[in-house]
Amino acid sequence: MFNRLRNRFLIVNMVIISFIMILAFSSIYTITYQNNRKTMNEDLIQISEFYRKQEGPEGGKYSGGGGGHGRGDMMVPDGKMKAGPPPERSVSFALTTDAGWNITKTDSRFDMDSDFYALAIKAASSGDSGRGEFNLDGNRWAYDVQQVMNGYSVVFLDVTNQHQFLMTLLYTFLAVGFIMLIVIYFTSRYFANRSIAPVKDAFDKQKRFIADASHELRTPLAVINTNADVLLSNNDDLIRNQEKWLHHIKSETERMRTLTSDLLYLTQMDDARENVIFAPFNLSDAVESVILTLEAVIFERDIALSYDISPELSINGNAEQMKQVALILLDNAIKYTNTKGKIDLTLKKHGSEVVLNVANSGEGIPPEHLGKIFDRFYRADASRSRKNGGYGLGLAIAKAIVEQHKGKIHAKSVPGETTSFTVQLPAERH
């Protein structure tokens, strides 16, 4: 699915960029072509006037409107023929013919054989207009035909360089365009992969989340179904004798309730992140109240608890949610502290932050799991988590709450020794 999405993005991107490149290159080539043609025509007119001026009065008696080859005189406002020197480094010559296109006069600065002149006149005579171009002996020639008394005056100009310039420009555009498309393709592919990666990651997490939730719900449902079957198979027995199966059903129902409540809470957290109203509250009192509720459990587990809480530390947020964070971290520490181990809790102010740290002795968390323990349903030791009644949602909830309070949470662990969770929250500004 994501490969198809990426390919569609690439196709659309390449089509748009190709269209823009074609439009840009076509515009540049068209403007260059028109300017080049204009320069060639001006050179041809200038050379034509130069040669015909040299012919004198007889050569200058042109017919303004006769035949398909008439161009008309090039006049300036005072009525005289405008003529100037031919362009520098230009290769040109002029031929005069009779009415049957037989050469009667040659005017050239270069030595060319008569066959060449004959072929040039033949190409000019076969043209549909008084001006045109043709290829001869590997060169490109432009010509201008003027009808004169008793025949025609034809001026030829070598425009090979101008023609080659346009062809070179066209090939350059094609090569540059092809190279640019290759570069743009791989660049677009790179950025497309980077753009799709977060979406793919979120989609994969959602799939894994649904699969894990289904798996966690399937287990208690299977237990409930099995115990219900046992009850039904002994429907004549007294309820007192079936109490064990009822307790199993009750226990699994409670587990399902806890799971669905946590899932609902996470969903609500995702939906309400932008619309939560916070108020200043005493975080020191909130954490102490959580410790009081868990002291009996800690005592029963034979765990040593030490805590150091600075008084009157306030933050801007939701007191009940922060109590839940402290409860999750302490409960997590109790579950994974070794026998006769200890838990250390500190709440201090460091600069502009209030820092809560919960550390416990125990097996620790392997380094490869540290970056994933805040993911939903993730458990470094799945079998031990189920034994302790965990679903891998507590730390995900704690992270969601902390981030909603514009804080940070991270974990450190030394396998076989200690594990610590640190929460950094912005202190209330007075």
Protein backbone atom coordinates (compact mmCIF):
# COMPACT_ATOMS: atom_id res chain seq x y z
CA MET A 1 0.00 0.00 0.00
CA PHE A 2 2.73 2.45 0.95
CA ASN A 3 4.78 1.50 -2.10
CA ARG A 4 1.80 2.34 -4.30
CA LEU A 5 1.34 5.61 -2.43
CA ARG A 6 5.01 6.45 -2.91
CA ASN A 7 4.90 5.55 -6.62
CA ARG A 8 1.82 7.72 -7.14
CA PHE A 9 3.57 10.58 -5.41
CA LEU A 10 6.62 10.10 -7.64
CA ILE A 11 4.53 9.94 -10.82
CA VAL A 12 2.60 13.10 -9.97
CA ASN A 13 5.80 14.86 -8.93
CA MET A 14 7.66 13.84 -12.10
CA VAL A 15 4.75 14.83 -14.35
CA ILE A 16 4.50 18.28 -12.75
CA ILE A 17 8.26 18.88 -12.86
CA SER A 18 8.51 17.57 -16.45
CA PHE A 19 5.73 19.91 -17.52
CA ILE A 20 7.45 22.87 -15.86
CA MET A 21 10.81 21.95 -17.43
CA ILE A 22 9.29 21.53 -20.90
CA LEU A 23 7.51 24.86 -20.56
CA ALA A 24 10.67 26.63 -19.36
CA PHE A 25 12.99 25.05 -21.96
CA SER A 26 10.46 25.63 -24.76
CA SER A 27 10.12 29.28 -23.82
CA ILE A 28 13.91 29.77 -23.72
CA TYR A 29 14.40 27.92 -27.00
CA THR A 30 11.57 29.81 -28.72
CA ILE A 31 12.93 33.20 -27.62
CA THR A 32 16.48 32.20 -28.63
CA TYR A 33 15.26 30.84 -31.97
CA GLN A 34 13.34 34.01 -32.76
CA ASN A 35 16.30 36.22 -31.82
CA ASN A 36 18.60 34.05 -33.91
CA ARG A 37 16.28 34.19 -36.90
CA LYS A 38 15.97 37.94 -36.52
CA THR A 39 19.76 38.31 -36.50
CA MET A 40 20.12 36.06 -39.56
CA ASN A 41 17.49 38.05 -41.48
CA GLU A 42 19.14 41.33 -40.57
CA ASP A 43 22.53 39.99 -41.70
CA LEU A 44 21.02 38.69 -44.93
CA ILE A 45 19.33 42.05 -45.63
CA GLN A 46 22.55 43.93 -44.88
CA ILE A 47 24.60 41.67 -47.17
CA SER A 48 21.97 41.81 -49.90
CA GLU A 49 22.00 45.59 -49.84
CA PHE A 50 25.79 45.63 -49.85
CA TYR A 51 26.07 43.43 -52.95
CA ARG A 52 23.26 45.17 -54.81
CA LYS A 53 24.62 48.59 -54.05
CA GLN A 54 27.87 47.44 -55.69
CA GLU A 55 25.96 46.58 -58.84
CA GLY A 56 25.13 50.19 -59.44
CA PRO A 57 22.03 51.77 -61.03
CA GLU A 58 21.31 48.84 -63.24
CA GLY A 59 21.50 46.30 -60.48
CA GLY A 60 19.39 48.52 -58.30
CA LYS A 61 16.42 48.71 -60.61
CA TYR A 62 14.32 46.14 -58.86
CA SER A 63 10.74 45.36 -59.49
CA GLY A 64 8.81 45.94 -56.30
CA GLY A 65 5.89 43.62 -56.93
CA GLY A 66 6.77 41.29 -59.76
CA GLY A 67 6.53 37.55 -59.36
CA GLY A 68 6.62 35.35 -56.32
CA HIS A 69 10.29 36.22 -55.67
CA GLY A 70 9.88 39.96 -55.15
CA ARG A 71 10.89 41.39 -51.78
CA GLY A 72 10.57 45.12 -52.38
CA ASP A 73 13.26 47.74 -51.90
CA MET A 74 14.82 48.36 -48.51
CA MET A 75 14.38 52.14 -48.26
CA VAL A 76 15.25 54.68 -45.63
CA PRO A 77 13.15 57.82 -45.09
CA ASP A 78 15.13 59.93 -47.64
CA GLY A 79 14.32 57.42 -50.38
CA LYS A 80 17.88 56.08 -50.79
CA MET A 81 18.86 52.44 -50.57
CA LYS A 82 20.16 51.52 -47.11
CA ALA A 83 23.38 49.54 -47.44
CA GLY A 84 26.22 48.79 -45.09
CA PRO A 85 29.27 46.53 -44.96
CA PRO A 86 28.64 42.80 -44.60
CA PRO A 87 28.89 41.32 -41.11
CA GLU A 88 32.39 40.36 -39.99
CA ARG A 89 33.50 36.74 -40.60
CA SER A 90 30.43 36.16 -42.82
CA VAL A 91 30.68 33.81 -45.81
CA SER A 92 28.51 35.15 -48.61
CA PHE A 93 28.29 35.62 -52.35
CA ALA A 94 25.88 37.05 -54.92
CA LEU A 95 24.77 35.63 -58.27
CA THR A 96 22.92 37.36 -61.08
CA THR A 97 20.84 35.30 -63.53
CA ASP A 98 18.71 35.85 -66.57
CA ALA A 99 14.99 35.13 -66.64
CA GLY A 100 15.72 31.41 -67.17
CA TRP A 101 17.89 31.23 -64.01
CA ASN A 102 21.11 30.95 -65.99
CA ILE A 103 24.03 32.53 -64.15
CA THR A 104 25.27 35.67 -65.88
CA LYS A 105 27.39 37.24 -63.14
CA THR A 106 29.17 36.08 -59.99
CA ASP A 107 30.24 38.30 -57.10
CA SER A 108 32.12 36.44 -54.38
CA ARG A 109 35.09 36.94 -52.08
CA PHE A 110 35.72 33.19 -52.10
CA ASP A 111 36.79 30.79 -54.83
CA MET A 112 33.99 28.33 -55.50
CA ASP A 113 33.52 26.15 -58.56
CA SER A 114 30.75 26.66 -61.05
CA ASP A 115 28.96 23.44 -60.03
CA PHE A 116 28.55 24.82 -56.53
CA TYR A 117 27.03 28.03 -57.87
CA ALA A 118 24.73 26.03 -60.16
CA LEU A 119 23.47 23.93 -57.27
CA ALA A 120 22.93 27.06 -55.17
CA ILE A 121 20.90 28.74 -57.94
CA LYS A 122 18.90 25.55 -58.43
CA ALA A 123 18.02 25.44 -54.71
CA ALA A 124 17.06 29.14 -54.70
CA SER A 125 14.96 28.87 -57.87
CA SER A 126 12.98 25.97 -56.48
CA GLY A 127 11.93 27.90 -53.39
CA ASP A 128 8.37 29.05 -52.88
CA SER A 129 9.32 32.51 -51.68
CA GLY A 130 11.98 35.12 -52.14
CA ARG A 131 13.84 34.03 -49.04
CA GLY A 132 14.69 30.64 -47.64
CA GLU A 133 17.37 28.16 -46.56
CA PHE A 134 18.93 24.95 -47.89
CA ASN A 135 21.77 22.52 -47.18
CA LEU A 136 24.68 22.24 -49.56
CA ASP A 137 28.02 20.47 -49.12
CA GLY A 138 27.45 20.11 -45.36
CA ASN A 139 26.68 23.79 -44.82
CA ARG A 140 23.46 25.67 -44.19
CA TRP A 141 22.80 28.59 -46.54
CA ALA A 142 20.23 31.37 -46.44
CA TYR A 143 19.34 33.20 -49.63
CA ASP A 144 17.48 36.30 -50.72
CA VAL A 145 16.04 36.57 -54.28
CA GLN A 146 15.33 39.93 -55.86
CA GLN A 147 13.84 40.33 -59.30
CA VAL A 148 15.77 42.80 -61.46
CA MET A 149 15.67 43.86 -65.06
CA ASN A 150 16.30 40.87 -67.33
CA GLY A 151 16.50 38.32 -64.48
CA TYR A 152 17.18 37.82 -60.79
CA SER A 153 19.73 38.88 -58.21
CA VAL A 154 20.35 36.21 -55.57
CA VAL A 155 22.44 36.75 -52.43
CA PHE A 156 23.62 33.77 -50.35
CA LEU A 157 24.78 33.79 -46.73
CA ASP A 158 26.33 30.90 -44.78
CA VAL A 159 24.25 30.45 -41.61
CA THR A 160 25.78 27.12 -40.54
CA ASN A 161 27.05 28.50 -37.22
CA GLN A 162 23.66 29.93 -36.26
CA HIS A 163 21.94 26.68 -37.20
CA GLN A 164 24.47 24.61 -35.25
CA PHE A 165 24.01 26.90 -32.25
CA LEU A 166 20.27 26.21 -32.23
CA MET A 167 20.83 22.46 -32.60
CA THR A 168 23.45 22.50 -29.84
CA LEU A 169 21.05 24.41 -27.60
CA LEU A 170 18.30 21.88 -28.30
CA TYR A 171 20.56 18.90 -27.55
CA THR A 172 21.84 20.64 -24.42
CA PHE A 173 18.29 21.15 -23.18
CA LEU A 174 17.49 17.50 -23.86
CA ALA A 175 20.61 16.29 -22.04
CA VAL A 176 20.16 18.67 -19.11
CA GLY A 177 16.47 17.81 -18.90
CA PHE A 178 17.23 14.08 -18.89
CA ILE A 179 19.90 14.43 -16.19
CA MET A 180 17.65 16.70 -14.13
CA LEU A 181 14.81 14.17 -14.34
CA ILE A 182 17.11 11.42 -13.08
CA VAL A 183 18.35 13.61 -10.20
CA ILE A 184 14.80 14.76 -9.40
CA TYR A 185 13.54 11.17 -9.49
CA PHE A 186 16.02 9.94 -6.89
CA THR A 187 15.66 13.13 -4.82
CA SER A 188 11.87 12.82 -4.91
CA ARG A 189 12.13 9.13 -4.05
CA TYR A 190 14.31 9.96 -1.05
CA PHE A 191 11.97 12.65 0.27
CA ALA A 192 8.91 10.52 -0.54
CA ASN A 193 10.34 7.70 1.57
CA ARG A 194 11.11 10.15 4.38
CA SER A 195 7.61 11.66 4.18
CA ILE A 196 5.87 8.30 4.14
CA ALA A 197 8.05 6.77 6.88
CA PRO A 198 6.20 8.45 9.82
CA VAL A 199 2.83 7.53 8.28
CA LYS A 200 3.97 3.95 7.74
CA ASP A 201 5.36 3.81 11.27
CA ALA A 202 2.08 5.12 12.70
CA PHE A 203 0.11 2.64 10.57
CA ASP A 204 2.30 -0.25 11.72
CA LYS A 205 1.90 0.83 15.34
CA GLN A 206 -1.85 1.00 14.89
CA LYS A 207 -1.91 -2.49 13.39
CA ARG A 208 0.26 -3.79 16.20
CA PHE A 209 -1.90 -1.97 18.73
CA ILE A 210 -5.08 -3.57 17.38
CA ALA A 211 -3.43 -7.00 17.23
CA ASP A 212 -2.13 -6.70 20.79
CA ALA A 213 -5.46 -5.43 22.11
CA SER A 214 -7.26 -8.31 20.40
CA HIS A 215 -4.77 -10.77 21.85
CA GLU A 216 -5.09 -9.36 25.37
CA LEU A 217 -8.88 -9.46 25.16
CA ARG A 218 -8.88 -12.99 23.75
CA THR A 219 -7.15 -14.48 26.80
CA PRO A 220 -9.70 -13.38 29.45
CA LEU A 221 -12.54 -14.13 27.05
CA ALA A 222 -11.25 -17.66 26.64
CA VAL A 223 -11.03 -18.09 30.42
CA ILE A 224 -14.55 -16.73 30.89
CA ASN A 225 -15.91 -18.99 28.15
CA THR A 226 -14.21 -22.07 29.59
CA ASN A 227 -15.46 -21.43 33.11
CA ALA A 228 -18.96 -20.73 31.81
CA ASP A 229 -18.90 -24.09 30.04
CA VAL A 230 -17.91 -25.77 33.31
CA LEU A 231 -20.81 -24.10 35.10
CA LEU A 232 -23.25 -25.14 32.41
CA SER A 233 -22.05 -28.73 32.51
CA ASN A 234 -22.77 -28.81 36.25
CA ASN A 235 -26.05 -26.97 36.26
CA ASP A 236 -27.50 -29.21 38.95
CA ASP A 237 -24.72 -28.39 41.42
CA LEU A 238 -25.04 -25.75 44.13
CA ILE A 239 -23.69 -22.26 43.51
CA ARG A 240 -21.45 -22.67 46.59
CA ASN A 241 -19.74 -25.60 44.91
CA GLN A 242 -19.28 -23.57 41.72
CA GLU A 243 -17.77 -20.61 43.52
CA LYS A 244 -14.26 -21.27 42.20
CA TRP A 245 -15.39 -20.96 38.57
CA LEU A 246 -17.36 -17.83 39.34
CA HIS A 247 -14.28 -16.26 40.93
CA HIS A 248 -12.29 -17.03 37.78
CA ILE A 249 -14.94 -15.35 35.67
CA LYS A 250 -15.02 -12.36 38.02
CA SER A 251 -11.21 -12.04 37.96
CA GLU A 252 -10.99 -12.11 34.17
CA THR A 253 -13.89 -9.66 33.91
CA GLU A 254 -11.95 -7.26 36.12
CA ARG A 255 -8.90 -7.67 33.92
CA MET A 256 -10.96 -6.88 30.84
CA ARG A 257 -12.45 -3.84 32.56
CA THR A 258 -8.98 -2.59 33.46
CA LEU A 259 -7.73 -3.13 29.93
CA THR A 260 -10.66 -1.44 28.24
CA SER A 261 -10.48 1.46 30.72
CA ASP A 262 -6.78 1.97 29.92
CA LEU A 263 -7.43 1.80 26.19
CA LEU A 264 -10.26 4.29 26.48
CA TYR A 265 -8.09 6.58 28.59
CA LEU A 266 -5.29 6.54 25.99
CA THR A 267 -7.78 7.33 23.24
CA GLN A 268 -9.18 10.21 25.24
CA MET A 269 -5.65 11.49 25.86
CA ASP A 270 -4.94 11.50 22.12
CA ASP A 271 -8.16 13.35 21.36
CA ALA A 272 -7.88 15.91 24.16
CA ARG A 273 -4.24 16.97 23.91
CA GLU A 274 -5.04 20.35 22.42
CA ASN A 275 -8.10 21.15 24.55
CA VAL A 276 -7.05 20.48 28.15
CA ILE A 277 -7.37 23.24 30.75
CA PHE A 278 -4.60 23.22 33.38
CA ALA A 279 -4.35 24.96 36.74
CA PRO A 280 -1.52 25.40 39.26
CA PHE A 281 -1.35 22.68 41.94
CA ASN A 282 1.05 21.39 44.59
CA LEU A 283 2.90 18.44 43.07
CA SER A 284 4.67 17.66 46.37
CA ASP A 285 1.35 16.95 48.11
CA ALA A 286 0.09 14.93 45.14
CA VAL A 287 3.12 12.61 45.14
CA GLU A 288 3.03 12.19 48.93
CA SER A 289 -0.63 11.16 48.78
CA VAL A 290 0.24 8.43 46.26
CA ILE A 291 3.04 7.14 48.51
CA LEU A 292 0.62 6.89 51.43
CA THR A 293 -1.80 4.74 49.44
CA LEU A 294 0.98 2.28 48.49
CA GLU A 295 2.86 2.04 51.79
CA ALA A 296 0.92 -1.05 52.90
CA VAL A 297 1.66 -2.85 49.62
CA ILE A 298 5.34 -1.95 49.87
CA PHE A 299 5.47 -3.22 53.45
CA GLU A 300 3.83 -6.52 52.47
CA ARG A 301 6.39 -7.04 49.70
CA ASP A 302 9.22 -6.50 52.22
CA ILE A 303 10.61 -3.62 50.17
CA ALA A 304 12.51 -0.68 51.65
CA LEU A 305 11.15 2.69 50.56
CA SER A 306 12.99 5.98 50.90
CA TYR A 307 11.78 9.26 49.53
CA ASP A 308 12.97 12.85 49.50
CA ILE A 309 10.31 15.36 48.45
CA SER A 310 10.95 19.09 48.45
CA PRO A 311 7.91 20.90 49.86
CA GLU A 312 5.64 23.30 48.00
CA LEU A 313 6.73 22.38 44.46
CA SER A 314 4.01 23.57 42.11
CA ILE A 315 3.41 23.01 38.42
CA ASN A 316 0.66 24.01 36.02
CA GLY A 317 -1.41 20.98 35.08
CA ASN A 318 -3.92 18.39 36.21
CA ALA A 319 -3.39 17.05 39.75
CA GLU A 320 -5.26 13.76 39.19
CA GLN A 321 -3.31 12.96 36.04
CA MET A 322 0.03 13.61 37.74
CA LYS A 323 -1.04 11.41 40.66
CA GLN A 324 -1.68 8.69 38.08
CA VAL A 325 1.85 9.13 36.68
CA ALA A 326 3.35 8.78 40.18
CA LEU A 327 1.12 5.76 40.84
CA ILE A 328 2.14 4.05 37.59
CA LEU A 329 5.85 4.57 38.26
CA LEU A 330 5.64 3.43 41.89
CA ASP A 331 3.45 0.44 41.02
CA ASN A 332 5.88 -0.50 38.27
CA ALA A 333 8.80 -0.24 40.71
CA ILE A 334 7.00 -2.42 43.29
CA LYS A 335 6.27 -5.13 40.70
CA TYR A 336 9.85 -5.38 39.49
CA THR A 337 11.81 -4.83 42.71
CA ASN A 338 13.61 -7.94 43.92
CA THR A 339 12.95 -9.48 47.35
CA LYS A 340 14.24 -7.26 50.15
CA GLY A 341 15.07 -4.67 47.50
CA LYS A 342 14.54 -0.96 47.77
CA ILE A 343 12.77 1.91 46.04
CA ASP A 344 14.09 5.48 46.07
CA LEU A 345 11.81 8.38 45.15
CA THR A 346 12.94 12.00 44.85
CA LEU A 347 11.09 15.15 43.84
CA LYS A 348 13.35 18.18 43.45
CA LYS A 349 13.50 21.44 41.55
CA HIS A 350 16.36 21.87 39.10
CA GLY A 351 16.44 25.29 37.49
CA SER A 352 13.12 25.90 35.78
CA GLU A 353 12.07 22.24 36.02
CA VAL A 354 10.56 19.98 38.64
CA VAL A 355 12.15 16.53 38.42
CA LEU A 356 10.53 13.33 39.75
CA ASN A 357 12.79 10.28 39.90
CA VAL A 358 11.70 6.75 40.86
CA ALA A 359 14.44 4.11 41.10
CA ASN A 360 14.27 0.49 42.16
CA SER A 361 16.67 -2.40 42.54
CA GLY A 362 16.03 -5.54 40.55
CA GLU A 363 16.74 -7.35 37.33
CA GLY A 364 16.76 -4.15 35.29
CA ILE A 365 15.81 -3.63 31.66
CA PRO A 366 18.07 -4.81 28.79
CA PRO A 367 19.44 -1.89 26.70
CA GLU A 368 17.64 -3.08 23.54
CA HIS A 369 14.27 -2.66 25.29
CA LEU A 370 14.79 0.79 26.83
CA GLY A 371 13.70 2.68 23.73
CA LYS A 372 10.47 0.70 23.38
CA ILE A 373 9.11 0.38 26.92
CA PHE A 374 6.87 3.45 26.45
CA ASP A 375 5.14 1.87 23.43
CA ARG A 376 1.63 0.55 23.97
CA PHE A 377 1.47 -3.14 24.90
CA TYR A 378 5.26 -3.40 24.92
CA ARG A 379 6.70 -5.60 27.66
CA ALA A 380 10.37 -6.47 28.08
CA ASP A 381 9.33 -9.70 29.84
CA ALA A 382 5.85 -10.64 28.64
CA SER A 383 5.43 -13.70 30.85
CA ARG A 384 6.41 -11.81 34.01
CA SER A 385 4.16 -8.88 33.06
CA ARG A 386 1.12 -11.16 32.73
CA LYS A 387 1.97 -12.78 36.04
CA ASN A 388 1.96 -9.33 37.64
CA GLY A 389 -1.27 -8.41 35.90
CA GLY A 390 0.26 -5.93 33.48
CA TYR A 391 -0.73 -5.21 29.89
CA GLY A 392 2.11 -2.90 28.88
CA LEU A 393 -0.12 0.18 28.90
CA GLY A 394 0.93 1.89 32.12
CA LEU A 395 4.13 3.52 30.85
CA ALA A 396 2.37 4.51 27.62
CA ILE A 397 -0.28 6.31 29.70
CA ALA A 398 2.42 7.95 31.86
CA LYS A 399 4.25 9.20 28.77
CA ALA A 400 1.03 10.57 27.25
CA ILE A 401 0.23 12.49 30.45
CA VAL A 402 3.76 13.87 30.83
CA GLU A 403 3.89 15.03 27.20
CA GLN A 404 0.46 16.62 27.64
CA HIS A 405 2.03 18.62 30.48
CA LYS A 406 4.87 19.65 28.10
CA GLY A 407 7.33 17.49 29.99
CA LYS A 408 9.69 14.62 29.28
CA ILE A 409 10.03 11.10 30.63
CA HIS A 410 12.89 8.68 30.14
CA ALA A 411 14.32 5.53 31.67
CA LYS A 412 17.79 4.31 32.60
CA SER A 413 18.74 0.83 33.67
CA VAL A 414 21.75 -1.21 34.68
CA PRO A 415 20.79 -4.87 34.10
CA GLY A 416 20.95 -6.84 37.31
CA GLU A 417 21.19 -3.72 39.47
CA THR A 418 18.80 -0.76 39.17
CA THR A 419 16.16 0.85 36.99
CA SER A 420 15.14 4.48 37.24
CA PHE A 421 12.42 6.57 35.62
CA THR A 422 12.82 10.34 35.43
CA VAL A 423 10.03 12.84 34.75
CA GLN A 424 10.92 16.46 33.92
CA LEU A 425 8.12 19.02 34.15
CA PRO A 426 8.17 22.82 33.73
CA ALA A 427 7.81 24.49 37.14
CA GLU A 428 5.06 27.02 37.73
CA ARG A 429 6.17 30.58 37.06
CA HIS A 430 5.43 32.97 39.90
